[in-house]
PDB file of all heavy atoms in Angstrom:
ATOM      1  N   GLY A   1       0.817  -1.213   0.000  1.00  0.00           N
ATOM      2  CA  GLY A   1       0.000   0.000   0.000  1.00  0.00           C
ATOM      3  C   GLY A   1       0.847   1.256   0.000  1.00  0.00           C
ATOM      4  O   GLY A   1       0.523   2.235  -0.686  1.00  0.00           O
ATOM      5  N   SER A   2       1.946   1.254   0.752  1.00  0.00           N
ATOM      6  CA  SER A   2       2.849   2.407   0.769  1.00  0.00           C
ATOM      7  C   SER A   2       3.470   2.634  -0.600  1.00  0.00           C
ATOM      8  O   SER A   2       3.556   3.778  -1.068  1.00  0.00           O
ATOM      9  CB  SER A   2       3.960   2.199   1.798  1.00  0.00           C
ATOM     10  OG  SER A   2       3.437   2.162   3.088  1.00  0.00           O
ATOM     11  N   CYS A   3       3.903   1.556  -1.240  1.00  0.00           N
ATOM     12  CA  CYS A   3       4.473   1.678  -2.589  1.00  0.00           C
ATOM     13  C   CYS A   3       3.429   2.207  -3.568  1.00  0.00           C
ATOM     14  O   CYS A   3       3.705   3.115  -4.363  1.00  0.00           O
ATOM     15  CB  CYS A   3       4.999   0.326  -3.068  1.00  0.00           C
ATOM     16  SG  CYS A   3       6.431  -0.269  -2.139  1.00  0.00           S
ATOM     17  N   HIS A   4       2.243   1.649  -3.498  1.00  0.00           N
ATOM     18  CA  HIS A   4       1.165   2.089  -4.397  1.00  0.00           C
ATOM     19  C   HIS A   4       0.830   3.562  -4.155  1.00  0.00           C
ATOM     20  O   HIS A   4       0.670   4.333  -5.106  1.00  0.00           O
ATOM     21  CB  HIS A   4      -0.078   1.228  -4.204  1.00  0.00           C
ATOM     22  CG  HIS A   4      -1.251   1.706  -5.001  1.00  0.00           C
ATOM     23  ND1 HIS A   4      -1.339   1.523  -6.359  1.00  0.00           N
ATOM     24  CD2 HIS A   4      -2.348   2.403  -4.632  1.00  0.00           C
ATOM     25  CE1 HIS A   4      -2.459   2.088  -6.790  1.00  0.00           C
ATOM     26  NE2 HIS A   4      -3.081   2.621  -5.764  1.00  0.00           N
ATOM     27  N   SER A   5       0.740   3.962  -2.910  1.00  0.00           N
ATOM     28  CA  SER A   5       0.409   5.344  -2.570  1.00  0.00           C
ATOM     29  C   SER A   5       1.461   6.307  -3.103  1.00  0.00           C
ATOM     30  O   SER A   5       1.128   7.367  -3.656  1.00  0.00           O
ATOM     31  CB  SER A   5       0.292   5.476  -1.052  1.00  0.00           C
ATOM     32  OG  SER A   5       0.041   6.804  -0.690  1.00  0.00           O
ATOM     33  N   PHE A   6       2.726   5.939  -2.966  1.00  0.00           N
ATOM     34  CA  PHE A   6       3.808   6.794  -3.461  1.00  0.00           C
ATOM     35  C   PHE A   6       3.704   6.978  -4.969  1.00  0.00           C
ATOM     36  O   PHE A   6       3.749   8.105  -5.484  1.00  0.00           O
ATOM     37  CB  PHE A   6       5.162   6.190  -3.082  1.00  0.00           C
ATOM     38  CG  PHE A   6       6.324   6.973  -3.607  1.00  0.00           C
ATOM     39  CD1 PHE A   6       6.680   8.184  -3.035  1.00  0.00           C
ATOM     40  CD2 PHE A   6       7.056   6.518  -4.681  1.00  0.00           C
ATOM     41  CE1 PHE A   6       7.745   8.916  -3.526  1.00  0.00           C
ATOM     42  CE2 PHE A   6       8.123   7.233  -5.182  1.00  0.00           C
ATOM     43  CZ  PHE A   6       8.468   8.440  -4.597  1.00  0.00           C
ATOM     44  N   VAL A   7       3.551   5.873  -5.689  1.00  0.00           N
ATOM     45  CA  VAL A   7       3.461   5.939  -7.153  1.00  0.00           C
ATOM     46  C   VAL A   7       2.214   6.710  -7.580  1.00  0.00           C
ATOM     47  O   VAL A   7       2.262   7.544  -8.496  1.00  0.00           O
ATOM     48  CB  VAL A   7       3.479   4.517  -7.760  1.00  0.00           C
ATOM     49  CG1 VAL A   7       3.170   4.545  -9.248  1.00  0.00           C
ATOM     50  CG2 VAL A   7       4.830   3.855  -7.500  1.00  0.00           C
ATOM     51  N   ALA A   8       1.095   6.471  -6.918  1.00  0.00           N
ATOM     52  CA  ALA A   8      -0.149   7.173  -7.259  1.00  0.00           C
ATOM     53  C   ALA A   8      -0.012   8.674  -7.009  1.00  0.00           C
ATOM     54  O   ALA A   8      -0.481   9.493  -7.819  1.00  0.00           O
ATOM     55  CB  ALA A   8      -1.316   6.604  -6.449  1.00  0.00           C
ATOM     56  N   THR A   9       0.641   9.047  -5.921  1.00  0.00           N
ATOM     57  CA  THR A   9       0.835  10.461  -5.622  1.00  0.00           C
ATOM     58  C   THR A   9       1.694  11.124  -6.688  1.00  0.00           C
ATOM     59  O   THR A   9       1.369  12.218  -7.177  1.00  0.00           O
ATOM     60  CB  THR A   9       1.470  10.642  -4.228  1.00  0.00           C
ATOM     61  OG1 THR A   9       0.589  10.097  -3.248  1.00  0.00           O
ATOM     62  CG2 THR A   9       1.730  12.102  -3.925  1.00  0.00           C
ATOM     63  N   LEU A  10       2.772  10.466  -7.078  1.00  0.00           N
ATOM     64  CA  LEU A  10       3.601  11.026  -8.154  1.00  0.00           C
ATOM     65  C   LEU A  10       2.819  11.103  -9.462  1.00  0.00           C
ATOM     66  O   LEU A  10       2.948  12.082 -10.202  1.00  0.00           O
ATOM     67  CB  LEU A  10       4.868  10.192  -8.352  1.00  0.00           C
ATOM     68  CG  LEU A  10       5.941  10.327  -7.292  1.00  0.00           C
ATOM     69  CD1 LEU A  10       7.144   9.473  -7.646  1.00  0.00           C
ATOM     70  CD2 LEU A  10       6.350  11.768  -7.100  1.00  0.00           C
ATOM     71  N   GLY A  11       2.009  10.094  -9.735  1.00  0.00           N
ATOM     72  CA  GLY A  11       1.198  10.103 -10.947  1.00  0.00           C
ATOM     73  C   GLY A  11       0.226  11.275 -10.983  1.00  0.00           C
ATOM     74  O   GLY A  11      -0.132  11.775 -12.050  1.00  0.00           O
ATOM     75  N   ARG A  12      -0.190  11.708  -9.824  1.00  0.00           N
ATOM     76  CA  ARG A  12      -1.097  12.862  -9.732  1.00  0.00           C
ATOM     77  C   ARG A  12      -0.330  14.182  -9.773  1.00  0.00           C
ATOM     78  O   ARG A  12      -0.743  15.134 -10.426  1.00  0.00           O
ATOM     79  CB  ARG A  12      -1.907  12.751  -8.438  1.00  0.00           C
ATOM     80  CG  ARG A  12      -2.914  13.864  -8.219  1.00  0.00           C
ATOM     81  CD  ARG A  12      -3.711  13.672  -6.930  1.00  0.00           C
ATOM     82  NE  ARG A  12      -2.922  13.371  -5.756  1.00  0.00           N
ATOM     83  CZ  ARG A  12      -2.301  14.290  -5.005  1.00  0.00           C
ATOM     84  NH1 ARG A  12      -2.375  15.548  -5.319  1.00  0.00           N
ATOM     85  NH2 ARG A  12      -1.607  13.921  -3.939  1.00  0.00           N
ATOM     86  N   LEU A  13       0.813  14.255  -9.079  1.00  0.00           N
ATOM     87  CA  LEU A  13       1.527  15.512  -8.928  1.00  0.00           C
ATOM     88  C   LEU A  13       2.416  15.892 -10.119  1.00  0.00           C
ATOM     89  O   LEU A  13       2.452  17.060 -10.510  1.00  0.00           O
ATOM     90  CB  LEU A  13       2.396  15.473  -7.665  1.00  0.00           C
ATOM     91  CG  LEU A  13       1.662  15.479  -6.346  1.00  0.00           C
ATOM     92  CD1 LEU A  13       2.640  15.334  -5.196  1.00  0.00           C
ATOM     93  CD2 LEU A  13       0.851  16.747  -6.190  1.00  0.00           C
ATOM     94  N   VAL A  14       3.148  14.922 -10.653  1.00  0.00           N
ATOM     95  CA  VAL A  14       4.120  15.254 -11.698  1.00  0.00           C
ATOM     96  C   VAL A  14       3.469  15.915 -12.915  1.00  0.00           C
ATOM     97  O   VAL A  14       3.975  16.933 -13.393  1.00  0.00           O
ATOM     98  CB  VAL A  14       4.962  14.020 -12.087  1.00  0.00           C
ATOM     99  CG1 VAL A  14       5.850  14.302 -13.282  1.00  0.00           C
ATOM    100  CG2 VAL A  14       5.804  13.568 -10.889  1.00  0.00           C
ATOM    101  N   PRO A  15       2.340  15.423 -13.425  1.00  0.00           N
ATOM    102  CA  PRO A  15       1.732  16.119 -14.567  1.00  0.00           C
ATOM    103  C   PRO A  15       1.337  17.572 -14.253  1.00  0.00           C
ATOM    104  O   PRO A  15       1.309  18.424 -15.147  1.00  0.00           O
ATOM    105  CB  PRO A  15       0.490  15.282 -14.883  1.00  0.00           C
ATOM    106  CG  PRO A  15       0.827  13.921 -14.386  1.00  0.00           C
ATOM    107  CD  PRO A  15       1.642  14.166 -13.142  1.00  0.00           C
ATOM    108  N   GLN A  16       1.053  17.869 -12.997  1.00  0.00           N
ATOM    109  CA  GLN A  16       0.680  19.234 -12.622  1.00  0.00           C
ATOM    110  C   GLN A  16       1.878  20.185 -12.649  1.00  0.00           C
ATOM    111  O   GLN A  16       1.705  21.399 -12.592  1.00  0.00           O
ATOM    112  CB  GLN A  16       0.056  19.256 -11.230  1.00  0.00           C
ATOM    113  CG  GLN A  16      -1.270  18.542 -11.150  1.00  0.00           C
ATOM    114  CD  GLN A  16      -1.810  18.488  -9.724  1.00  0.00           C
ATOM    115  OE1 GLN A  16      -1.191  18.948  -8.778  1.00  0.00           O
ATOM    116  NE2 GLN A  16      -2.977  17.892  -9.583  1.00  0.00           N
ATOM    117  N   LEU A  17       3.086  19.635 -12.738  1.00  0.00           N
ATOM    118  CA  LEU A  17       4.286  20.464 -12.739  1.00  0.00           C
ATOM    119  C   LEU A  17       4.572  21.083 -14.107  1.00  0.00           C
ATOM    120  O   LEU A  17       5.436  21.952 -14.215  1.00  0.00           O
ATOM    121  CB  LEU A  17       5.496  19.632 -12.294  1.00  0.00           C
ATOM    122  CG  LEU A  17       5.419  19.020 -10.905  1.00  0.00           C
ATOM    123  CD1 LEU A  17       6.642  18.154 -10.637  1.00  0.00           C
ATOM    124  CD2 LEU A  17       5.282  20.100  -9.852  1.00  0.00           C
ATOM    125  N   ARG A  18       3.856  20.638 -15.120  1.00  0.00           N
ATOM    126  CA  ARG A  18       4.070  21.132 -16.477  1.00  0.00           C
ATOM    127  C   ARG A  18       4.013  22.653 -16.489  1.00  0.00           C
ATOM    128  O   ARG A  18       3.097  23.264 -15.959  1.00  0.00           O
ATOM    129  CB  ARG A  18       3.033  20.565 -17.435  1.00  0.00           C
ATOM    130  CG  ARG A  18       3.279  20.957 -18.881  1.00  0.00           C
ATOM    131  CD  ARG A  18       2.337  20.262 -19.827  1.00  0.00           C
ATOM    132  NE  ARG A  18       2.740  18.848 -19.913  1.00  0.00           N
ATOM    133  CZ  ARG A  18       1.901  17.834 -19.728  1.00  0.00           C
ATOM    134  NH1 ARG A  18       0.639  18.045 -19.464  1.00  0.00           N
ATOM    135  NH2 ARG A  18       2.327  16.607 -19.821  1.00  0.00           N
ATOM    136  N   GLY A  19       5.026  23.266 -17.080  1.00  0.00           N
ATOM    137  CA  GLY A  19       5.062  24.710 -17.208  1.00  0.00           C
ATOM    138  C   GLY A  19       5.653  25.436 -16.019  1.00  0.00           C
ATOM    139  O   GLY A  19       5.874  26.645 -16.082  1.00  0.00           O
ATOM    140  N   GLN A  20       5.903  24.739 -14.940  1.00  0.00           N
ATOM    141  CA  GLN A  20       6.480  25.391 -13.766  1.00  0.00           C
ATOM    142  C   GLN A  20       7.999  25.405 -13.887  1.00  0.00           C
ATOM    143  O   GLN A  20       8.599  24.457 -14.373  1.00  0.00           O
ATOM    144  CB  GLN A  20       6.075  24.664 -12.483  1.00  0.00           C
ATOM    145  CG  GLN A  20       4.590  24.744 -12.201  1.00  0.00           C
ATOM    146  CD  GLN A  20       4.257  24.148 -10.844  1.00  0.00           C
ATOM    147  OE1 GLN A  20       5.059  24.215  -9.927  1.00  0.00           O
ATOM    148  NE2 GLN A  20       3.080  23.578 -10.734  1.00  0.00           N
ATOM    149  N   GLU A  21       8.583  26.477 -13.441  1.00  0.00           N
ATOM    150  CA  GLU A  21      10.044  26.568 -13.419  1.00  0.00           C
ATOM    151  C   GLU A  21      10.514  26.524 -11.978  1.00  0.00           C
ATOM    152  O   GLU A  21       9.918  27.133 -11.101  1.00  0.00           O
ATOM    153  CB  GLU A  21      10.500  27.854 -14.100  1.00  0.00           C
ATOM    154  CG  GLU A  21      10.197  27.856 -15.584  1.00  0.00           C
ATOM    155  CD  GLU A  21      10.813  29.052 -16.289  1.00  0.00           C
ATOM    156  OE1 GLU A  21      11.804  29.597 -15.788  1.00  0.00           O
ATOM    157  OE2 GLU A  21      10.286  29.408 -17.352  1.00  0.00           O
ATOM    158  N   PHE A  22      11.581  25.796 -11.770  1.00  0.00           N
ATOM    159  CA  PHE A  22      12.115  25.622 -10.426  1.00  0.00           C
ATOM    160  C   PHE A  22      13.469  26.303 -10.332  1.00  0.00           C
ATOM    161  O   PHE A  22      14.242  26.316 -11.288  1.00  0.00           O
ATOM    162  CB  PHE A  22      12.253  24.133 -10.086  1.00  0.00           C
ATOM    163  CG  PHE A  22      10.942  23.416 -10.033  1.00  0.00           C
ATOM    164  CD1 PHE A  22      10.445  22.739 -11.136  1.00  0.00           C
ATOM    165  CD2 PHE A  22      10.189  23.433  -8.865  1.00  0.00           C
ATOM    166  CE1 PHE A  22       9.227  22.099 -11.076  1.00  0.00           C
ATOM    167  CE2 PHE A  22       8.973  22.787  -8.808  1.00  0.00           C
ATOM    168  CZ  PHE A  22       8.485  22.117  -9.910  1.00  0.00           C
ATOM    169  N   THR A  23      13.742  26.834  -9.158  1.00  0.00           N
ATOM    170  CA  THR A  23      15.060  27.410  -8.924  1.00  0.00           C
ATOM    171  C   THR A  23      16.066  26.272  -8.821  1.00  0.00           C
ATOM    172  O   THR A  23      15.697  25.100  -8.630  1.00  0.00           O
ATOM    173  CB  THR A  23      15.088  28.232  -7.622  1.00  0.00           C
ATOM    174  OG1 THR A  23      14.922  27.325  -6.508  1.00  0.00           O
ATOM    175  CG2 THR A  23      14.014  29.308  -7.613  1.00  0.00           C
ATOM    176  N   GLU A  24      17.337  26.612  -8.908  1.00  0.00           N
ATOM    177  CA  GLU A  24      18.375  25.594  -8.772  1.00  0.00           C
ATOM    178  C   GLU A  24      18.315  24.953  -7.390  1.00  0.00           C
ATOM    179  O   GLU A  24      18.479  23.742  -7.254  1.00  0.00           O
ATOM    180  CB  GLU A  24      19.760  26.194  -9.020  1.00  0.00           C
ATOM    181  CG  GLU A  24      20.866  25.157  -9.028  1.00  0.00           C
ATOM    182  CD  GLU A  24      20.667  24.039 -10.052  1.00  0.00           C
ATOM    183  OE1 GLU A  24      20.180  24.290 -11.167  1.00  0.00           O
ATOM    184  OE2 GLU A  24      20.991  22.882  -9.704  1.00  0.00           O
TER     185      GLU A  24
END
C-alpha cells in the first residue's frame, strides 16, 4: 500500500508540474 500510494501520488503531482520553473 505504501508503494502504491507513493506511485499514485507522483502520478497525480508530476503532470501538474508542467510549465512550472524551479530554482536551482
